[in-house]
Protein backbone atom coordinates (compact mmCIF):
# COMPACT_ATOMS: atom_id res chain seq x y z
CA UNK A 1 16.47 -34.35 7.89
CA UNK A 2 14.78 -31.85 10.20
CA UNK A 3 17.83 -29.62 10.13
CA UNK A 4 17.88 -29.77 6.34
CA UNK A 5 14.24 -28.67 6.23
CA UNK A 6 14.96 -25.83 8.67
CA UNK A 7 17.90 -24.66 6.54
CA UNK A 8 15.72 -24.79 3.44
CA UNK A 9 13.03 -22.66 5.13
CA UNK A 10 15.66 -20.20 6.33
CA UNK A 11 17.21 -19.89 2.85
CA UNK A 12 13.78 -19.37 1.29
CA UNK A 13 12.97 -16.69 3.86
CA UNK A 14 16.26 -14.88 3.22
CA UNK A 15 15.71 -15.12 -0.53
CA UNK A 16 12.18 -13.69 -0.22
CA UNK A 17 13.41 -10.78 1.87
CA UNK A 18 16.28 -10.11 -0.57
CA UNK A 19 14.01 -10.02 -3.63
CA UNK A 20 11.43 -7.89 -1.81
CA UNK A 21 14.11 -5.48 -0.61
CA UNK A 22 15.63 -5.20 -4.09
CA UNK A 23 12.19 -4.39 -5.52
CA UNK A 24 11.68 -1.59 -3.00
CA UNK A 25 15.13 -0.14 -3.69
CA UNK A 26 14.48 0.06 -7.44
CA UNK A 27 10.99 1.45 -6.86
CA UNK A 28 12.29 4.25 -4.62
CA UNK A 29 15.18 5.02 -6.98
CA UNK A 30 13.04 5.46 -10.09
CA UNK A 31 10.27 7.20 -8.15
CA UNK A 32 12.58 9.87 -6.74
CA UNK A 33 14.35 10.40 -10.06
CA UNK A 34 10.97 11.12 -11.63
CA UNK A 35 9.67 13.21 -8.72
CA UNK A 36 12.77 15.40 -8.58
CA UNK A 37 12.46 15.94 -12.34
CA UNK A 38 8.78 16.93 -11.95
CA UNK A 39 9.59 19.38 -9.15
CA UNK A 40 12.48 21.07 -10.96
CA UNK A 41 10.99 21.04 -14.47
CA UNK A 42 7.41 22.08 -13.66
CA UNK A 43 8.25 24.77 -11.11
CA UNK A 44 6.64 25.21 -7.70
CA UNK A 45 3.12 26.19 -8.93
CA UNK A 46 2.64 23.52 -11.62
CA UNK A 47 4.24 20.94 -9.34
CA UNK A 48 1.69 21.90 -6.67
CA UNK A 49 -1.12 21.19 -9.16
CA UNK A 50 0.36 17.78 -9.92
CA UNK A 51 0.77 16.73 -6.28
CA UNK A 52 -2.72 18.03 -5.42
CA UNK A 53 -4.17 15.88 -8.21
CA UNK A 54 -1.96 12.91 -7.30
CA UNK A 55 -3.26 13.01 -3.73
CA UNK A 56 -6.75 12.61 -5.21
CA UNK A 57 -5.42 9.85 -7.48
CA UNK A 58 -3.88 7.91 -4.59
CA UNK A 59 -7.13 7.93 -2.64
CA UNK A 60 -9.02 6.91 -5.78
CA UNK A 61 -6.52 4.08 -6.39
CA UNK A 62 -7.58 2.67 -3.03
CA UNK A 63 -11.25 2.83 -4.02
CA UNK A 64 -10.32 1.06 -7.25
CA UNK A 65 -8.56 -1.71 -5.35
CA UNK A 66 -11.68 -2.16 -3.18
CA UNK A 67 -9.73 -4.51 -0.93
CA UNK A 68 -9.85 -7.15 -3.70
CA UNK A 69 -6.07 -7.32 -4.07
CA UNK A 70 -5.32 -8.00 -0.41
CA UNK A 71 -8.27 -10.38 -0.10
CA UNK A 72 -7.06 -12.31 -3.16
CA UNK A 73 -3.55 -12.53 -1.72
CA UNK A 74 -4.81 -14.02 1.54
CA UNK A 75 -7.07 -16.56 -0.18
CA UNK A 76 -4.42 -17.61 -2.71
CA UNK A 77 -1.77 -17.96 0.03
CA UNK A 78 -3.98 -20.48 1.86
CA UNK A 79 -5.39 -22.29 -1.21
CA UNK A 80 -4.27 -25.74 -2.33
CA UNK A 81 -5.51 -25.13 -5.88
CA UNK A 82 -3.96 -21.71 -6.46
CA UNK A 83 -4.84 -21.48 -10.16
CA UNK A 84 -8.52 -22.02 -9.37
CA UNK A 85 -8.41 -19.37 -6.66
CA UNK A 86 -6.55 -16.99 -9.01
CA UNK A 87 -9.26 -17.43 -11.64
CA UNK A 88 -11.99 -16.48 -9.19
CA UNK A 89 -10.00 -13.49 -7.94
CA UNK A 90 -9.24 -12.31 -11.50
CA UNK A 91 -12.93 -12.25 -12.44
CA UNK A 92 -13.73 -10.20 -9.34
CA UNK A 93 -10.86 -7.82 -10.18
CA UNK A 94 -12.04 -7.26 -13.75
CA UNK A 95 -15.61 -6.60 -12.61
CA UNK A 96 -14.75 -4.00 -9.97
CA UNK A 97 -12.06 -2.28 -12.06
CA UNK A 98 -14.51 -1.84 -14.94
CA UNK A 99 -17.21 -0.41 -12.68
CA UNK A 100 -14.83 2.11 -11.08
CA UNK A 101 -13.52 3.12 -14.51
CA UNK A 102 -17.04 4.01 -15.71
CA UNK A 103 -17.98 5.78 -12.49
CA UNK A 104 -14.91 8.07 -12.60
CA UNK A 105 -15.61 9.09 -16.20
CA UNK A 106 -19.19 10.00 -15.29
CA UNK A 107 -18.24 11.92 -12.14
CA UNK A 108 -15.15 13.76 -13.45
CA UNK A 109 -16.95 16.81 -14.93
CA UNK A 110 -19.10 17.13 -11.79
CA UNK A 111 -16.28 16.90 -9.23
CA UNK A 112 -13.58 19.03 -10.92
CA UNK A 113 -15.32 22.44 -10.54
CA UNK A 114 -15.92 21.78 -6.84
CA UNK A 115 -12.28 21.12 -5.94
CA UNK A 116 -10.33 23.81 -7.78
CA UNK A 117 -11.10 23.91 -11.52
CA UNK A 118 -10.45 26.22 -13.34
CA UNK A 119 -8.78 28.25 -10.59
CA UNK A 120 -6.29 27.63 -9.12
CA UNK A 121 -5.89 24.31 -10.98
CA UNK A 122 -6.31 24.92 -14.71
CA UNK A 123 -5.65 21.33 -15.85
CA UNK A 124 -7.72 19.60 -13.17
CA UNK A 125 -10.69 18.66 -15.38
CA UNK A 126 -8.48 16.92 -17.95
CA UNK A 127 -6.60 15.20 -15.16
CA UNK A 128 -9.84 13.87 -13.64
CA UNK A 129 -10.76 12.23 -16.96
CA UNK A 130 -7.28 10.70 -17.28
CA UNK A 131 -7.65 9.44 -13.70
CA UNK A 132 -10.12 6.78 -14.90
CA UNK A 133 -7.40 5.12 -16.96
CA UNK A 134 -4.81 5.51 -14.20
CA UNK A 135 -7.06 3.77 -11.68
CA UNK A 136 -7.94 0.95 -14.09
CA UNK A 137 -4.35 -0.03 -14.92
CA UNK A 138 -3.13 0.56 -11.36
CA UNK A 139 -5.73 -1.86 -9.96
CA UNK A 140 -4.32 -4.68 -12.11
CA UNK A 141 -0.69 -3.82 -11.37
CA UNK A 142 -1.34 -4.03 -7.63
CA UNK A 143 -3.48 -7.15 -8.10
CA UNK A 144 -0.66 -9.10 -9.73
CA UNK A 145 1.82 -7.90 -7.10
CA UNK A 146 -0.38 -9.29 -4.33
CA UNK A 147 -0.83 -12.54 -6.26
CA UNK A 148 2.97 -12.94 -6.49
CA UNK A 149 3.16 -12.51 -2.71
CA UNK A 150 0.34 -15.03 -2.21
CA UNK A 151 2.12 -17.69 -4.29
CA UNK A 152 5.48 -16.58 -2.81
CA UNK A 153 7.12 -15.77 -6.14
CA UNK A 154 9.17 -12.82 -4.92
CA UNK A 155 11.54 -12.94 -7.88
CA UNK A 156 8.63 -12.12 -10.20
CA UNK A 157 7.45 -9.46 -7.72
CA UNK A 158 10.87 -7.82 -7.89
CA UNK A 159 10.93 -8.05 -11.68
CA UNK A 160 7.51 -6.48 -12.23
CA UNK A 161 8.16 -3.73 -9.64
CA UNK A 162 11.37 -2.74 -11.41
CA UNK A 163 9.58 -2.77 -14.78
CA UNK A 164 6.66 -0.74 -13.41
CA UNK A 165 8.70 2.08 -11.90
CA UNK A 166 11.21 2.20 -14.76
CA UNK A 167 8.36 2.59 -17.25
CA UNK A 168 6.65 5.21 -15.05
CA UNK A 169 9.85 7.22 -14.86
CA UNK A 170 10.63 6.87 -18.57
CA UNK A 171 7.17 7.59 -20.02
CA UNK A 172 6.31 10.48 -17.71
CA UNK A 173 9.66 12.22 -18.23
CA UNK A 174 9.52 11.78 -22.03
CA UNK A 175 5.96 13.12 -22.26
CA UNK A 176 6.77 15.98 -19.88
CA UNK A 177 9.65 17.03 -22.12
CA UNK A 178 7.27 17.21 -25.08
CA UNK A 179 4.57 19.14 -23.19
CA UNK A 180 5.40 20.84 -19.89
CA UNK A 181 2.07 20.34 -18.04
CA UNK A 182 0.84 17.99 -15.29
CA UNK A 183 -1.44 16.22 -17.84
CA UNK A 184 1.69 14.83 -19.52
CA UNK A 185 2.66 13.07 -16.30
CA UNK A 186 -0.83 11.58 -15.93
CA UNK A 187 -0.79 10.30 -19.54
CA UNK A 188 2.63 8.82 -18.84
CA UNK A 189 1.16 6.93 -15.89
CA UNK A 190 -1.57 5.46 -18.11
CA UNK A 191 0.87 4.43 -20.84
CA UNK A 192 3.28 2.85 -18.36
CA UNK A 193 0.41 1.09 -16.60
CA UNK A 194 -0.80 -0.54 -19.81
CA UNK A 195 2.73 -1.70 -20.65
CA UNK A 196 3.12 -3.10 -17.12
CA UNK A 197 -0.19 -4.98 -17.43
CA UNK A 198 1.04 -6.67 -20.61
CA UNK A 199 4.29 -7.61 -18.84
CA UNK A 200 2.30 -9.11 -15.95
CA UNK A 201 0.20 -11.20 -18.34
CA UNK A 202 3.38 -12.46 -20.01
CA UNK A 203 5.22 -13.27 -16.75
CA UNK A 204 2.24 -14.92 -15.07
CA UNK A 205 1.24 -16.69 -18.29
CA UNK A 206 4.55 -18.56 -18.44
CA UNK A 207 3.39 -20.71 -15.50
CA UNK A 208 -0.41 -20.43 -15.62
CA UNK A 209 -2.71 -20.60 -18.64
CA UNK A 210 -4.68 -17.41 -17.98
CA UNK A 211 -7.28 -17.79 -20.81
CA UNK A 212 -8.05 -21.35 -19.71
CA UNK A 213 -8.25 -20.40 -16.03
CA UNK A 214 -10.63 -17.57 -16.95
CA UNK A 215 -12.84 -19.79 -19.10
CA UNK A 216 -13.00 -22.78 -16.73
CA UNK A 217 -13.52 -20.93 -13.44
CA UNK A 218 -17.16 -20.63 -12.42
CA UNK A 219 -16.83 -20.79 -8.64
CA UNK A 220 -19.33 -18.12 -7.67
CA UNK A 221 -19.15 -19.03 -3.99
CA UNK A 222 -15.41 -18.45 -3.87
CA UNK A 223 -15.84 -15.12 -5.67
CA UNK A 224 -18.43 -14.09 -3.08
CA UNK A 225 -16.08 -15.01 -0.24
CA UNK A 226 -13.25 -12.93 -1.78
CA UNK A 227 -15.59 -9.94 -2.08
CA UNK A 228 -16.96 -10.45 1.44
CA UNK A 229 -13.49 -10.46 2.97
CA UNK A 230 -12.44 -7.44 0.89
CA UNK A 231 -15.13 -5.10 2.25
CA UNK A 232 -13.50 -4.30 5.63
CA UNK A 233 -10.13 -4.05 3.88
CA UNK A 234 -11.47 -1.10 1.86
CA UNK A 235 -11.75 0.93 5.04
CA UNK A 236 -8.29 0.01 6.33
CA UNK A 237 -6.61 0.64 2.96
CA UNK A 238 -8.43 3.93 2.46
CA UNK A 239 -7.57 4.97 6.00
CA UNK A 240 -3.90 4.36 5.32
CA UNK A 241 -3.99 6.67 2.31
CA UNK A 242 -6.13 9.23 4.11
CA UNK A 243 -3.37 9.50 6.71
CA UNK A 244 -1.09 11.09 4.14
CA UNK A 245 -3.28 12.07 1.18
CA UNK A 246 -6.20 13.86 2.85
CA UNK A 247 -3.84 16.46 4.28
CA UNK A 248 -2.36 17.20 0.83
CA UNK A 249 -5.87 17.49 -0.56
CA UNK A 250 -6.97 19.87 2.23
CA UNK A 251 -3.79 21.91 1.90
CA UNK A 252 -4.66 22.35 -1.78
CA UNK A 253 -8.07 23.70 -0.79
CA UNK A 254 -7.04 26.00 2.06
CA UNK A 255 -3.41 27.05 1.49
CA UNK A 256 -1.15 28.60 -1.20
CA UNK A 257 0.42 26.31 -3.81
CA UNK A 258 3.84 26.69 -2.21
CA UNK A 259 2.65 24.89 0.94
CA UNK A 260 1.21 22.05 -1.13
CA UNK A 261 4.54 21.55 -2.91
CA UNK A 262 6.80 21.55 0.14
CA UNK A 263 4.46 19.34 2.18
CA UNK A 264 4.24 16.83 -0.65
CA UNK A 265 8.02 16.45 -0.80
CA UNK A 266 8.25 15.77 2.95
CA UNK A 267 5.31 13.37 2.71
CA UNK A 268 6.81 11.43 -0.21
CA UNK A 269 10.11 10.99 1.61
CA UNK A 270 8.29 9.53 4.61
CA UNK A 271 5.97 7.37 2.51
CA UNK A 272 8.76 5.87 0.45
CA UNK A 273 10.90 5.24 3.53
CA UNK A 274 8.22 2.84 4.77
CA UNK A 275 9.05 0.66 1.74
CA UNK A 276 12.33 -0.28 3.42
CA UNK A 277 10.43 -1.72 6.38
CA UNK A 278 7.86 -3.43 4.20
CA UNK A 279 10.63 -5.08 2.18
CA UNK A 280 11.82 -6.79 5.37
CA UNK A 281 8.52 -8.21 6.59
CA UNK A 282 6.69 -8.71 3.27
CA UNK A 283 8.88 -11.75 2.65
CA UNK A 284 8.16 -13.23 6.09
CA UNK A 285 4.54 -12.39 6.93
CA UNK A 286 3.10 -14.91 4.43
CA UNK A 287 4.95 -17.74 6.19
CA UNK A 288 2.97 -16.92 9.37
CA UNK A 289 -0.37 -17.57 7.64
CA UNK A 290 -0.81 -21.06 9.19
CA UNK A 291 0.01 -21.56 12.87
CA UNK A 292 -0.37 -25.06 14.34
CA UNK A 293 0.20 -26.60 17.75
CA UNK A 294 3.52 -27.94 16.50
CA UNK A 295 4.91 -24.65 15.18
CA UNK A 296 3.31 -22.16 17.61
CA UNK A 297 6.53 -21.34 19.49
CA UNK A 298 8.55 -21.15 16.28
CA UNK A 299 6.09 -18.75 14.62
CA UNK A 300 5.80 -16.61 17.75
CA UNK A 301 9.59 -16.33 17.95
CA UNK A 302 9.74 -15.52 14.22
CA UNK A 303 7.20 -12.71 14.59
CA UNK A 304 9.07 -11.20 17.55
CA UNK A 305 12.34 -11.34 15.62
CA UNK A 306 10.83 -9.57 12.59
CA UNK A 307 9.23 -7.00 14.91
CA UNK A 308 12.57 -6.17 16.58
CA UNK A 309 14.27 -5.84 13.21
CA UNK A 310 11.45 -3.63 11.93
CA UNK A 311 11.76 -1.34 14.96
CA UNK A 312 15.55 -1.11 14.60
CA UNK A 313 15.31 -0.08 10.95
CA UNK A 314 12.62 2.48 11.80
CA UNK A 315 14.79 4.09 14.50
CA UNK A 316 17.80 4.33 12.15
CA UNK A 317 15.74 5.97 9.41
CA UNK A 318 14.19 8.39 11.93
CA UNK A 319 17.69 9.42 13.02
CA UNK A 320 18.74 9.94 9.40
CA UNK A 321 15.74 12.16 8.67
CA UNK A 322 16.30 14.19 11.83
CA UNK A 323 19.99 14.84 11.12
CA UNK A 324 20.21 15.04 7.32
CA UNK A 325 16.64 15.43 5.97
CA UNK A 326 16.64 19.21 5.44
CA UNK A 327 20.10 19.21 3.85
CA UNK A 328 19.19 16.34 1.50
CA UNK A 329 16.03 18.14 0.33
CA UNK A 330 17.98 21.33 -0.48
CA UNK A 331 20.56 19.39 -2.49
CA UNK A 332 18.13 17.13 -4.38
CA UNK A 333 15.03 19.27 -4.92
CA UNK A 334 16.48 22.77 -4.73
CA UNK A 335 16.47 25.66 -2.26
CA UNK A 336 12.92 26.72 -3.19
CA UNK A 337 11.69 23.60 -1.35
CA UNK A 338 13.72 24.18 1.85
CA UNK A 339 10.60 24.44 4.06
CA UNK A 340 9.94 20.75 3.39
CA UNK A 341 12.79 19.93 5.78
CA UNK A 342 10.96 21.59 8.69
CA UNK A 343 7.75 19.70 7.91
CA UNK A 344 9.72 16.45 7.66
CA UNK A 345 10.69 16.70 11.35
CA UNK A 346 7.03 16.73 12.39
CA UNK A 347 6.30 13.66 10.24
CA UNK A 348 9.04 11.49 11.78
CA UNK A 349 6.81 10.18 14.66
CA UNK A 350 4.16 9.27 12.09
CA UNK A 351 6.72 7.25 10.12
CA UNK A 352 7.67 5.19 13.17
CA UNK A 353 4.06 4.55 14.24
CA UNK A 354 3.03 3.65 10.69
CA UNK A 355 5.83 1.08 10.34
CA UNK A 356 4.91 -0.55 13.66
CA UNK A 357 1.17 -0.66 12.98
CA UNK A 358 1.60 -1.91 9.39
CA UNK A 359 3.53 -5.00 10.47
CA UNK A 360 0.99 -5.83 13.18
CA UNK A 361 -1.94 -5.09 10.86
CA UNK A 362 -0.70 -7.41 8.12
CA UNK A 363 -0.31 -10.22 10.63
CA UNK A 364 -3.87 -9.60 11.85
CA UNK A 365 -5.14 -9.78 8.26
CA UNK A 366 -3.70 -13.26 7.84
CA UNK A 367 -5.30 -14.25 11.12
CA UNK A 368 -8.74 -13.17 9.91
CA UNK A 369 -9.00 -9.95 11.95
CA UNK A 370 -9.49 -7.56 9.03
CA UNK A 371 -13.05 -6.72 10.09
CA UNK A 372 -12.11 -5.83 13.68
CA UNK A 373 -9.13 -3.82 12.48
CA UNK A 374 -11.20 -1.89 9.95
CA UNK A 375 -13.57 -0.66 12.64
CA UNK A 376 -10.66 0.82 14.57
CA UNK A 377 -9.28 2.34 11.40
CA UNK A 378 -12.40 4.45 11.10
CA UNK A 379 -10.98 6.44 14.01
CA UNK A 380 -7.94 7.26 11.86
CA UNK A 381 -10.10 8.79 9.14
CA UNK A 382 -12.25 10.75 11.61
CA UNK A 383 -9.36 12.06 13.74
CA UNK A 384 -7.30 12.95 10.69
CA UNK A 385 -10.12 14.95 9.13
CA UNK A 386 -10.93 16.82 12.37
CA UNK A 387 -7.33 17.82 13.13
CA UNK A 388 -6.61 18.73 9.49
CA UNK A 389 -9.65 21.00 9.51
CA UNK A 390 -8.51 22.64 12.76
CA UNK A 391 -4.75 22.89 12.18
CA UNK A 392 -4.20 23.41 8.44
CA UNK A 393 -5.79 26.91 8.17
CA UNK A 394 -3.56 28.17 11.00
CA UNK A 395 -0.33 26.15 10.69
CA UNK A 396 -0.44 25.02 7.01
CA UNK A 397 2.00 22.16 6.29
CA UNK A 398 3.12 21.73 9.90
CA UNK A 399 -0.51 21.49 10.97
CA UNK A 400 -1.10 18.76 8.38
CA UNK A 401 1.93 16.84 9.67
CA UNK A 402 0.71 17.08 13.29
CA UNK A 403 -2.78 15.92 12.28
CA UNK A 404 -1.34 12.93 10.42
CA UNK A 405 0.77 11.86 13.41
CA UNK A 406 -1.97 12.29 16.03
CA UNK A 407 -4.55 10.34 14.03
CA UNK A 408 -2.55 7.10 13.86
CA UNK A 409 -1.82 6.79 17.61
CA UNK A 410 -5.06 5.04 18.76
CA UNK A 411 -4.94 2.60 15.85
CA UNK A 412 -1.31 1.65 16.55
CA UNK A 413 -2.14 0.93 20.20
CA UNK A 414 -5.05 -1.28 19.11
CA UNK A 415 -2.91 -3.31 16.65
CA UNK A 416 -0.25 -3.99 19.31
CA UNK A 417 -2.90 -5.00 21.85
CA UNK A 418 -4.80 -7.26 19.45
CA UNK A 419 -1.69 -9.18 18.34
CA UNK A 420 -0.68 -9.75 21.98
CA UNK A 421 -4.22 -10.89 22.79
CA UNK A 422 -4.23 -13.16 19.73
CA UNK A 423 -1.04 -14.96 20.73
CA UNK A 424 -2.43 -15.53 24.23
CA UNK A 425 -5.63 -16.95 22.75
CA UNK A 426 -3.67 -19.20 20.39
CA UNK A 427 -1.59 -20.45 23.32
CA UNK A 428 -4.77 -21.42 25.17
CA UNK A 429 -6.45 -23.11 22.19
CA UNK A 430 -3.38 -24.78 20.70
CA UNK A 431 -1.37 -25.69 23.77
CA UNK A 432 -3.77 -25.81 26.72
CA UNK A 433 -6.45 -27.62 24.71
CA UNK A 434 -4.40 -30.34 22.91
CA UNK A 435 -5.46 -31.43 19.45
CA UNK A 436 -7.50 -28.32 18.70
CA UNK A 437 -6.82 -25.20 16.70
CA UNK A 438 -8.48 -21.89 16.25
CA UNK A 439 -10.44 -21.07 13.13
CA UNK A 440 -12.03 -17.63 13.22
CA UNK A 441 -11.42 -17.49 17.02
CA UNK A 442 -13.25 -20.81 17.57
CA UNK A 443 -11.54 -24.15 18.40
CA UNK A 444 -11.80 -26.61 15.52
CA UNK A 445 -9.80 -29.74 14.67
CA UNK A 446 -8.69 -28.42 11.27
CA UNK A 447 -5.04 -28.20 12.15
CA UNK A 448 -4.28 -24.50 11.68
CA UNK A 449 -5.07 -21.12 13.15
CA UNK A 450 -6.89 -19.08 10.56
CA UNK A 451 -10.28 -18.00 9.30
CA UNK A 452 -12.50 -20.38 7.31
CA UNK A 453 -11.89 -20.51 3.57
CA UNK A 454 -14.41 -22.23 1.29
CA UNK A 455 -11.73 -23.68 -0.99
């Protein structure tokens, strides 16, 4: 009986990893098809305008998420009544998405002239208005993805990821063919995002009655707890994007368009490569959400196994980039983007450190350490800004790559230390003190190691 249960858990784990991995593969495939088309069709100057704007968009996406998506995932994963928790999270998501949408529309005409409109970025003002719609639909796309992870429906996660990136590729390419400007790509993002939102409502609505959940849910206390836990996650999520997006933004302010284009290509290759790692541990990290005295050794062994696998994949990808990165860029993007291969070499250490810290950070989130982690992530933002300011004017894209790598080092060291410290503390509270568990780093007889949830 026990062996049968273990086999069932193992099969579920393998299935989750497989669906997650398949989703990442499709996402990367459609993303690169679209990005290569943008780079070749727009030309180096117009492509630079697009990637400069998209760096702003990515950082704004994070503000639009406001940590609500990750917070909702954690709460739903631990909830017994998942539909009730989903209803509370959905109301919070609608509220914050609507507020951010209005704020962007109001600020767009004020911000655009200060960051490059009308010269050197002629379409920037229009793009800033379109950004409001992009952020709104993106916040819901990411929200549903995190909900699927929370309820461990990785098949639906794979399905919606494939739909999302296929629609992004299709709509942006079609609109770009009709009007060869960066605004066409942005409009394509909005159109694809709305179509993806409708698909999410349909897929999720097959199992849950969304209108009824929305109408019946009035748990204000739960909504407050979701918002409260999301606040420190805003800093950590924004810091993660700042690591790669602030440098593109500052390159756009201080350097020629050519440097913006080539750096963006190297950055996108590194960023999308991290999806391979995330596909491996996204399917396993949710299963570590509840650690008891009976499963402590099993969960610790499982985490170590995932960590070793994550490191092995990272090393292999680093080797591939080092040996074939420059050649691949010339073949795929064209010889005008050859300098991206040189920048890619300087971003390889960042890729490895990011993959290590992301795994540890996600585990810490499920253990209720988001607040502590967010304080350390402030150092990432500060260090990244300082080194970008010092290195970009002199070394351009290579300076941005060095700044990105240097800024993540202290944070990675902290994540590794905190996880090791956490396992030692769990060993003391779960094993040395029999019958007790840790809840928010305090021993309580609740039967699992976590943070308190008012559910």
